[in-house]
C-alpha atoms as a PDB file:
ATOM      1  CA  MET A   1      44.977 -63.883  43.073  1.00  0.00           C
ATOM      2  CA  LYS A   2      47.480 -66.506  41.967  1.00  0.00           C
ATOM      3  CA  GLY A   3      49.705 -67.941  44.703  1.00  0.00           C
ATOM      4  CA  ILE A   4      53.440 -67.900  45.272  1.00  0.00           C
ATOM      5  CA  SER A   5      55.881 -70.360  46.843  1.00  0.00           C
ATOM      6  CA  ALA A   6      59.146 -69.155  48.371  1.00  0.00           C
ATOM      7  CA  PHE A   7      61.995 -71.603  48.811  1.00  0.00           C
ATOM      8  CA  ILE A   8      65.314 -71.421  50.625  1.00  0.00           C
ATOM      9  CA  VAL A   9      68.330 -73.740  50.543  1.00  0.00           C
ATOM     10  CA  CYS A  10      70.198 -73.628  53.825  1.00  0.00           C
ATOM     11  CA  LYS A  11      72.416 -75.134  56.503  1.00  0.00           C
ATOM     12  CA  ASN A  12      73.185 -73.626  59.922  1.00  0.00           C
ATOM     13  CA  GLU A  13      71.664 -70.221  59.195  1.00  0.00           C
ATOM     14  CA  MET A  14      70.201 -69.401  62.614  1.00  0.00           C
ATOM     15  CA  LEU A  15      71.824 -65.952  62.597  1.00  0.00           C
ATOM     16  CA  SER A  16      70.140 -64.887  59.362  1.00  0.00           C
ATOM     17  CA  ILE A  17      67.060 -66.922  58.525  1.00  0.00           C
ATOM     18  CA  GLU A  18      64.621 -65.295  60.985  1.00  0.00           C
ATOM     19  CA  ARG A  19      64.904 -61.979  59.156  1.00  0.00           C
ATOM     20  CA  CYS A  20      64.502 -63.738  55.806  1.00  0.00           C
ATOM     21  CA  LEU A  21      61.392 -65.677  56.874  1.00  0.00           C
ATOM     22  CA  GLN A  22      59.729 -62.619  58.372  1.00  0.00           C
ATOM     23  CA  SER A  23      60.049 -60.889  55.005  1.00  0.00           C
ATOM     24  CA  LEU A  24      58.287 -63.872  53.346  1.00  0.00           C
ATOM     25  CA  SER A  25      55.360 -64.169  55.759  1.00  0.00           C
ATOM     26  CA  TRP A  26      52.903 -63.106  53.037  1.00  0.00           C
ATOM     27  CA  CYS A  27      53.790 -66.021  50.722  1.00  0.00           C
ATOM     28  CA  ASN A  28      51.348 -68.926  50.313  1.00  0.00           C
ATOM     29  CA  GLU A  29      54.042 -71.399  51.325  1.00  0.00           C
ATOM     30  CA  ILE A  30      57.706 -71.414  52.312  1.00  0.00           C
ATOM     31  CA  VAL A  31      59.798 -74.458  51.429  1.00  0.00           C
ATOM     32  CA  ILE A  32      63.081 -75.128  53.229  1.00  0.00           C
ATOM     33  CA  VAL A  33      65.709 -77.502  51.838  1.00  0.00           C
ATOM     34  CA  ASP A  34      68.091 -78.198  54.702  1.00  0.00           C
ATOM     35  CA  SER A  35      71.350 -80.094  54.307  1.00  0.00           C
ATOM     36  CA  GLY A  36      72.058 -80.991  57.910  1.00  0.00           C
ATOM     37  CA  SER A  37      71.688 -78.013  60.211  1.00  0.00           C
ATOM     38  CA  THR A  38      72.978 -78.599  63.741  1.00  0.00           C
ATOM     39  CA  ASP A  39      72.047 -75.191  65.167  1.00  0.00           C
ATOM     40  CA  ALA A  40      68.592 -73.673  65.745  1.00  0.00           C
ATOM     41  CA  THR A  41      67.817 -73.153  62.037  1.00  0.00           C
ATOM     42  CA  LEU A  42      65.089 -75.806  61.827  1.00  0.00           C
ATOM     43  CA  GLU A  43      63.420 -74.657  65.038  1.00  0.00           C
ATOM     44  CA  ILE A  44      63.160 -71.151  63.602  1.00  0.00           C
ATOM     45  CA  CYS A  45      61.750 -72.519  60.337  1.00  0.00           C
ATOM     46  CA  ALA A  46      59.176 -74.623  62.178  1.00  0.00           C
ATOM     47  CA  LYS A  47      58.036 -71.518  64.084  1.00  0.00           C
ATOM     48  CA  HIS A  48      57.233 -69.912  60.731  1.00  0.00           C
ATOM     49  CA  ASN A  49      55.252 -72.978  59.550  1.00  0.00           C
ATOM     50  CA  CYS A  50      57.705 -73.773  56.788  1.00  0.00           C
ATOM     51  CA  ARG A  51      57.603 -77.006  54.834  1.00  0.00           C
ATOM     52  CA  ILE A  52      60.962 -78.587  55.670  1.00  0.00           C
ATOM     53  CA  ALA A  53      62.758 -81.142  53.492  1.00  0.00           C
ATOM     54  CA  HIS A  54      66.090 -82.748  54.311  1.00  0.00           C
ATOM     55  CA  ARG A  55      68.608 -83.428  51.538  1.00  0.00           C
ATOM     56  CA  GLU A  56      72.320 -84.120  51.704  1.00  0.00           C
ATOM     57  CA  TRP A  57      74.310 -81.335  50.082  1.00  0.00           C
ATOM     58  CA  SER A  58      74.924 -81.967  46.371  1.00  0.00           C
ATOM     59  CA  GLY A  59      75.734 -78.466  45.118  1.00  0.00           C
ATOM     60  CA  TYR A  60      73.746 -75.290  44.614  1.00  0.00           C
ATOM     61  CA  VAL A  61      72.222 -76.244  41.266  1.00  0.00           C
ATOM     62  CA  GLU A  62      70.876 -79.606  42.433  1.00  0.00           C
ATOM     63  CA  GLN A  63      69.703 -78.299  45.809  1.00  0.00           C
ATOM     64  CA  LYS A  64      67.793 -75.421  44.227  1.00  0.00           C
ATOM     65  CA  SER A  65      66.351 -77.689  41.527  1.00  0.00           C
ATOM     66  CA  PHE A  66      65.106 -79.964  44.296  1.00  0.00           C
ATOM     67  CA  GLY A  67      63.620 -77.008  46.182  1.00  0.00           C
ATOM     68  CA  LEU A  68      61.830 -75.902  43.022  1.00  0.00           C
ATOM     69  CA  SER A  69      60.330 -79.385  42.605  1.00  0.00           C
ATOM     70  CA  LEU A  70      58.695 -79.111  46.050  1.00  0.00           C
ATOM     71  CA  CYS A  71      56.903 -75.843  45.320  1.00  0.00           C
ATOM     72  CA  SER A  72      53.174 -76.069  44.611  1.00  0.00           C
ATOM     73  CA  GLN A  73      52.146 -72.529  43.639  1.00  0.00           C
ATOM     74  CA  PRO A  74      52.133 -71.046  40.102  1.00  0.00           C
ATOM     75  CA  TRP A  75      54.899 -68.553  40.964  1.00  0.00           C
ATOM     76  CA  ILE A  76      58.150 -69.201  42.847  1.00  0.00           C
ATOM     77  CA  LEU A  77      60.460 -66.847  44.698  1.00  0.00           C
ATOM     78  CA  ASN A  78      63.944 -68.049  45.629  1.00  0.00           C
ATOM     79  CA  LEU A  79      65.916 -66.401  48.416  1.00  0.00           C
ATOM     80  CA  ASP A  80      69.132 -67.191  50.236  1.00  0.00           C
ATOM     81  CA  ALA A  81      68.918 -67.297  54.023  1.00  0.00           C
ATOM     82  CA  ASP A  82      70.889 -64.038  54.318  1.00  0.00           C
ATOM     83  CA  GLU A  83      68.497 -62.098  52.061  1.00  0.00           C
ATOM     84  CA  GLU A  84      65.181 -60.384  52.691  1.00  0.00           C
ATOM     85  CA  VAL A  85      62.384 -58.918  50.607  1.00  0.00           C
ATOM     86  CA  SER A  86      62.043 -55.177  51.168  1.00  0.00           C
ATOM     87  CA  PRO A  87      58.532 -53.738  51.770  1.00  0.00           C
ATOM     88  CA  GLU A  88      58.749 -52.037  48.368  1.00  0.00           C
ATOM     89  CA  LEU A  89      59.571 -55.282  46.586  1.00  0.00           C
ATOM     90  CA  HIS A  90      56.807 -57.075  48.482  1.00  0.00           C
ATOM     91  CA  GLY A  91      54.286 -54.521  47.255  1.00  0.00           C
ATOM     92  CA  GLU A  92      55.572 -54.788  43.701  1.00  0.00           C
ATOM     93  CA  ILE A  93      55.273 -58.589  43.701  1.00  0.00           C
ATOM     94  CA  ARG A  94      51.775 -58.474  45.201  1.00  0.00           C
ATOM     95  CA  ALA A  95      50.664 -56.002  42.531  1.00  0.00           C
ATOM     96  CA  MET A  96      52.109 -58.245  39.810  1.00  0.00           C
ATOM     97  CA  LEU A  97      50.258 -61.293  41.161  1.00  0.00           C
ATOM     98  CA  MET A  98      46.981 -59.385  41.149  1.00  0.00           C
ATOM     99  CA  GLN A  99      47.542 -58.335  37.553  1.00  0.00           C
ATOM    100  CA  ASP A 100      48.476 -61.895  36.601  1.00  0.00           C
ATOM    101  CA  ALA A 101      45.186 -63.146  38.024  1.00  0.00           C
ATOM    102  CA  SER A 102      43.514 -61.024  35.338  1.00  0.00           C
ATOM    103  CA  GLY A 103      45.854 -62.294  32.617  1.00  0.00           C
ATOM    104  CA  ASN A 104      47.705 -58.984  32.322  1.00  0.00           C
ATOM    105  CA  VAL A 105      51.254 -60.222  32.986  1.00  0.00           C
ATOM    106  CA  LYS A 106      53.194 -61.371  29.910  1.00  0.00           C
ATOM    107  CA  GLU A 107      56.518 -62.010  31.655  1.00  0.00           C
ATOM    108  CA  ASP A 108      57.485 -65.506  32.782  1.00  0.00           C
ATOM    109  CA  GLY A 109      60.147 -64.269  35.179  1.00  0.00           C
ATOM    110  CA  PHE A 110      61.561 -61.161  36.833  1.00  0.00           C
ATOM    111  CA  GLU A 111      65.047 -60.012  37.727  1.00  0.00           C
ATOM    112  CA  LEU A 112      65.285 -58.498  41.203  1.00  0.00           C
ATOM    113  CA  LEU A 113      67.614 -55.682  42.191  1.00  0.00           C
ATOM    114  CA  ARG A 114      69.870 -57.075  44.922  1.00  0.00           C
ATOM    115  CA  VAL A 115      71.496 -54.541  47.246  1.00  0.00           C
ATOM    116  CA  VAL A 116      74.369 -55.601  49.511  1.00  0.00           C
ATOM    117  CA  PHE A 117      74.892 -54.635  53.148  1.00  0.00           C
ATOM    118  CA  TYR A 118      78.538 -55.009  54.192  1.00  0.00           C
ATOM    119  CA  LEU A 119      80.953 -53.221  56.524  1.00  0.00           C
ATOM    120  CA  GLY A 120      78.111 -51.233  58.063  1.00  0.00           C
ATOM    121  CA  ARG A 121      76.761 -49.748  54.834  1.00  0.00           C
ATOM    122  CA  TRP A 122      74.461 -50.348  51.891  1.00  0.00           C
ATOM    123  CA  TRP A 123      76.383 -50.550  48.605  1.00  0.00           C
ATOM    124  CA  ARG A 124      74.519 -48.377  46.121  1.00  0.00           C
ATOM    125  CA  LYS A 125      77.343 -46.438  44.456  1.00  0.00           C
ATOM    126  CA  GLY A 126      79.393 -49.066  42.608  1.00  0.00           C
ATOM    127  CA  GLY A 127      81.122 -52.418  42.819  1.00  0.00           C
ATOM    128  CA  TRP A 128      78.271 -54.732  43.774  1.00  0.00           C
ATOM    129  CA  HIS A 129      75.682 -52.253  42.540  1.00  0.00           C
ATOM    130  CA  PRO A 130      73.638 -52.548  40.455  1.00  0.00           C
ATOM    131  CA  GLU A 131      73.283 -56.326  40.597  1.00  0.00           C
ATOM    132  CA  ARG A 132      70.207 -58.132  39.290  1.00  0.00           C
ATOM    133  CA  ARG A 133      69.273 -61.756  39.961  1.00  0.00           C
ATOM    134  CA  LEU A 134      66.482 -63.767  38.345  1.00  0.00           C
ATOM    135  CA  ARG A 135      64.687 -65.060  41.446  1.00  0.00           C
ATOM    136  CA  LEU A 136      60.975 -64.676  40.671  1.00  0.00           C
ATOM    137  CA  ALA A 137      59.369 -66.816  37.978  1.00  0.00           C
ATOM    138  CA  ARG A 138      56.485 -68.991  36.891  1.00  0.00           C
ATOM    139  CA  ARG A 139      57.161 -72.423  38.366  1.00  0.00           C
ATOM    140  CA  GLU A 140      56.626 -74.290  35.096  1.00  0.00           C
ATOM    141  CA  ARG A 141      58.938 -71.982  33.137  1.00  0.00           C
ATOM    142  CA  VAL A 142      62.074 -71.829  35.302  1.00  0.00           C
ATOM    143  CA  SER A 143      65.059 -74.126  35.850  1.00  0.00           C
ATOM    144  CA  TRP A 144      68.446 -73.878  37.557  1.00  0.00           C
ATOM    145  CA  HIS A 145      71.853 -74.120  35.866  1.00  0.00           C
ATOM    146  CA  GLY A 146      75.473 -73.059  36.357  1.00  0.00           C
ATOM    147  CA  GLU A 147      78.814 -74.166  37.743  1.00  0.00           C
ATOM    148  CA  GLU A 148      79.590 -74.405  41.430  1.00  0.00           C
ATOM    149  CA  PRO A 149      79.363 -72.253  43.393  1.00  0.00           C
ATOM    150  CA  HIS A 150      77.664 -69.828  40.989  1.00  0.00           C
ATOM    151  CA  GLU A 151      74.202 -71.126  40.090  1.00  0.00           C
ATOM    152  CA  HIS A 152      71.608 -69.146  38.161  1.00  0.00           C
ATOM    153  CA  ALA A 153      67.991 -69.471  37.106  1.00  0.00           C
ATOM    154  CA  SER A 154      66.853 -69.528  33.483  1.00  0.00           C
ATOM    155  CA  VAL A 155      63.336 -68.824  32.237  1.00  0.00           C
ATOM    156  CA  LEU A 156      61.693 -69.964  29.025  1.00  0.00           C
ATOM    157  CA  GLY A 157      59.932 -66.775  28.066  1.00  0.00           C
ATOM    158  CA  PRO A 158      60.098 -63.000  28.487  1.00  0.00           C
ATOM    159  CA  VAL A 159      61.839 -61.636  31.579  1.00  0.00           C
ATOM    160  CA  GLY A 160      61.028 -58.316  33.218  1.00  0.00           C
ATOM    161  CA  ARG A 161      62.624 -56.293  36.008  1.00  0.00           C
ATOM    162  CA  MET A 162      61.370 -55.112  39.362  1.00  0.00           C
ATOM    163  CA  GLN A 163      62.639 -51.994  41.107  1.00  0.00           C
ATOM    164  CA  GLY A 164      62.101 -52.918  44.764  1.00  0.00           C
ATOM    165  CA  GLU A 165      65.229 -54.081  46.563  1.00  0.00           C
ATOM    166  CA  LEU A 166      66.170 -57.628  47.480  1.00  0.00           C
ATOM    167  CA  ARG A 167      68.399 -56.938  50.478  1.00  0.00           C
ATOM    168  CA  HIS A 168      71.482 -59.091  50.942  1.00  0.00           C
ATOM    169  CA  TYR A 169      73.337 -59.163  54.268  1.00  0.00           C
ATOM    170  CA  THR A 170      76.348 -60.707  52.643  1.00  0.00           C
ATOM    171  CA  TYR A 171      79.221 -61.171  55.145  1.00  0.00           C
ATOM    172  CA  ARG A 172      79.203 -60.598  58.898  1.00  0.00           C
ATOM    173  CA  ASP A 173      82.740 -59.178  58.870  1.00  0.00           C
ATOM    174  CA  ILE A 174      86.076 -59.467  57.050  1.00  0.00           C
ATOM    175  CA  ALA A 175      86.906 -62.775  58.747  1.00  0.00           C
ATOM    176  CA  ASP A 176      83.599 -64.260  57.514  1.00  0.00           C
ATOM    177  CA  HIS A 177      84.344 -62.892  54.034  1.00  0.00           C
ATOM    178  CA  VAL A 178      87.739 -64.610  53.954  1.00  0.00           C
ATOM    179  CA  SER A 179      86.249 -67.872  55.240  1.00  0.00           C
ATOM    180  CA  ARG A 180      83.637 -67.968  52.499  1.00  0.00           C
ATOM    181  CA  ILE A 181      86.177 -67.072  49.829  1.00  0.00           C
ATOM    182  CA  ASN A 182      88.199 -70.084  50.943  1.00  0.00           C
ATOM    183  CA  ALA A 183      85.186 -72.417  50.741  1.00  0.00           C
ATOM    184  CA  HIS A 184      83.837 -71.067  47.442  1.00  0.00           C
ATOM    185  CA  SER A 185      87.221 -71.078  45.718  1.00  0.00           C
ATOM    186  CA  THR A 186      87.609 -74.769  46.559  1.00  0.00           C
ATOM    187  CA  SER A 187      84.203 -75.586  45.027  1.00  0.00           C
ATOM    188  CA  ALA A 188      84.977 -73.482  41.960  1.00  0.00           C
ATOM    189  CA  ALA A 189      88.391 -75.117  41.428  1.00  0.00           C
ATOM    190  CA  ARG A 190      86.867 -78.596  41.594  1.00  0.00           C
ATOM    191  CA  ALA A 191      84.152 -77.599  39.120  1.00  0.00           C
ATOM    192  CA  LEU A 192      86.756 -76.213  36.704  1.00  0.00           C
ATOM    193  CA  TYR A 193      88.811 -79.390  36.901  1.00  0.00           C
ATOM    194  CA  ALA A 194      85.728 -81.577  36.396  1.00  0.00           C
ATOM    195  CA  LYS A 195      84.885 -79.831  33.124  1.00  0.00           C
ATOM    196  CA  GLY A 196      88.446 -80.206  31.825  1.00  0.00           C
ATOM    197  CA  THR A 197      89.953 -76.795  32.580  1.00  0.00           C
ATOM    198  CA  ARG A 198      93.637 -76.860  33.478  1.00  0.00           C
ATOM    199  CA  PRO A 199      95.745 -74.041  34.953  1.00  0.00           C
ATOM    200  CA  SER A 200      98.136 -71.978  32.903  1.00  0.00           C
ATOM    201  CA  PHE A 201     100.748 -69.406  33.814  1.00  0.00           C
ATOM    202  CA  VAL A 202      98.635 -66.735  32.144  1.00  0.00           C
ATOM    203  CA  SER A 203      95.517 -67.585  34.173  1.00  0.00           C
ATOM    204  CA  LEU A 204      97.492 -67.688  37.419  1.00  0.00           C
ATOM    205  CA  LEU A 205      99.146 -64.347  36.717  1.00  0.00           C
ATOM    206  CA  LEU A 206      96.525 -62.280  34.914  1.00  0.00           C
ATOM    207  CA  LYS A 207      93.049 -63.414  35.960  1.00  0.00           C
ATOM    208  CA  PRO A 208      93.296 -62.059  39.546  1.00  0.00           C
ATOM    209  CA  LYS A 209      94.448 -58.693  38.174  1.00  0.00           C
ATOM    210  CA  ALA A 210      91.590 -58.689  35.670  1.00  0.00           C
ATOM    211  CA  ARG A 211      89.045 -59.365  38.431  1.00  0.00           C
ATOM    212  CA  PHE A 212      90.431 -56.481  40.503  1.00  0.00           C
ATOM    213  CA  ALA A 213      90.244 -54.107  37.540  1.00  0.00           C
ATOM    214  CA  LYS A 214      86.698 -55.209  36.694  1.00  0.00           C
ATOM    215  CA  PHE A 215      85.380 -54.623  40.207  1.00  0.00           C
ATOM    216  CA  PHE A 216      87.336 -51.510  41.145  1.00  0.00           C
ATOM    217  CA  LEU A 217      87.371 -49.686  37.796  1.00  0.00           C
ATOM    218  CA  LEU A 218      84.738 -51.032  35.382  1.00  0.00           C
ATOM    219  CA  ARG A 219      82.093 -51.566  38.068  1.00  0.00           C
ATOM    220  CA  ARG A 220      83.190 -48.373  39.847  1.00  0.00           C
ATOM    221  CA  GLY A 221      84.059 -49.974  43.159  1.00  0.00           C
ATOM    222  CA  TYR A 222      86.304 -46.956  43.777  1.00  0.00           C
ATOM    223  CA  ARG A 223      83.135 -44.951  44.478  1.00  0.00           C
ATOM    224  CA  GLU A 224      82.756 -46.905  47.733  1.00  0.00           C
ATOM    225  CA  GLY A 225      86.114 -45.641  49.014  1.00  0.00           C
ATOM    226  CA  VAL A 226      88.304 -47.846  51.207  1.00  0.00           C
ATOM    227  CA  PRO A 227      85.614 -50.585  51.498  1.00  0.00           C
ATOM    228  CA  GLY A 228      85.505 -50.686  47.693  1.00  0.00           C
ATOM    229  CA  LEU A 229      89.274 -51.172  47.581  1.00  0.00           C
ATOM    230  CA  LEU A 230      89.035 -53.951  50.158  1.00  0.00           C
ATOM    231  CA  VAL A 231      86.352 -55.847  48.253  1.00  0.00           C
ATOM    232  CA  ALA A 232      88.218 -55.440  44.945  1.00  0.00           C
ATOM    233  CA  CYS A 233      91.250 -57.040  46.620  1.00  0.00           C
ATOM    234  CA  MET A 234      89.020 -59.815  47.989  1.00  0.00           C
ATOM    235  CA  GLU A 235      87.617 -60.436  44.511  1.00  0.00           C
ATOM    236  CA  ALA A 236      91.149 -60.767  43.151  1.00  0.00           C
ATOM    237  CA  PHE A 237      92.103 -63.016  46.075  1.00  0.00           C
ATOM    238  CA  TYR A 238      89.162 -65.313  45.316  1.00  0.00           C
ATOM    239  CA  VAL A 239      90.318 -65.743  41.707  1.00  0.00           C
ATOM    240  CA  PHE A 240      93.920 -66.189  42.869  1.00  0.00           C
ATOM    241  CA  LEU A 241      92.895 -69.016  45.217  1.00  0.00           C
ATOM    242  CA  LYS A 242      90.595 -70.621  42.661  1.00  0.00           C
ATOM    243  CA  TYR A 243      93.298 -71.018  40.020  1.00  0.00           C
ATOM    244  CA  PHE A 244      96.045 -72.029  42.429  1.00  0.00           C
ATOM    245  CA  LYS A 245      93.721 -74.633  43.943  1.00  0.00           C
ATOM    246  CA  LEU A 246      93.048 -75.831  40.396  1.00  0.00           C
ATOM    247  CA  TRP A 247      96.815 -76.068  39.921  1.00  0.00           C
ATOM    248  CA  GLU A 248      97.063 -78.039  43.183  1.00  0.00           C
ATOM    249  CA  ILE A 249      94.313 -80.465  42.104  1.00  0.00           C
ATOM    250  CA  ALA A 250      95.938 -81.042  38.704  1.00  0.00           C
ATOM    251  CA  ARG A 251      99.341 -81.528  40.335  1.00  0.00           C
ATOM    252  CA  LYS A 252      98.021 -84.312  42.566  1.00  0.00           C
ATOM    253  CA  LYS A 253      96.356 -86.265  39.772  1.00  0.00           C
END
């Protein structure tokens, strides 16, 4: 059976990474790209016999591209530290690898169904669901692209879908959600400015409203009740901060 490398980009993930690594114990190798953890993250990784590389943070795209370059197996599986492979997805991947050993797999990559756990519940009705991420691919056929903080993988070749869940324990609580929105909106504003985007009254006024409507109405976040309303407001708040931070950056130049 052909082998698989899993890789994780992380920093200070001691609260999450144990669960993630346990779900990857069947992989041929696990590669960790750490950007300066000061908690027990690296001790946990060492316990799981991970291959650990240290690299100063340079953005999601570059960090994940570097992690990919360290993988040695024909297939790669990329996870974030707050994700885990469900038993069903594990079985599906193992079956695919066995078929590929016989030359019966035509796909060069697979989108995985990511399911979010937040506010004490799994989100399977609307809003964040369904959400698919291309995380499993032939090593020689995949590369990473995108604008900070939203990277994505691209595959040269046919892409299939798997049905087993990639479980995402997204935010610990509302305070953690707000903290990450603050950090991600700063990265996104800087990326927009770097590519020449400048704020306008229309973007400041309308884009947050559009994000709310997309999440709450088009993606049926309303089916999640009050939590769906909260997250729709958070989505709008993220866009609000991103464009006002862009305005602040442009104003200082």
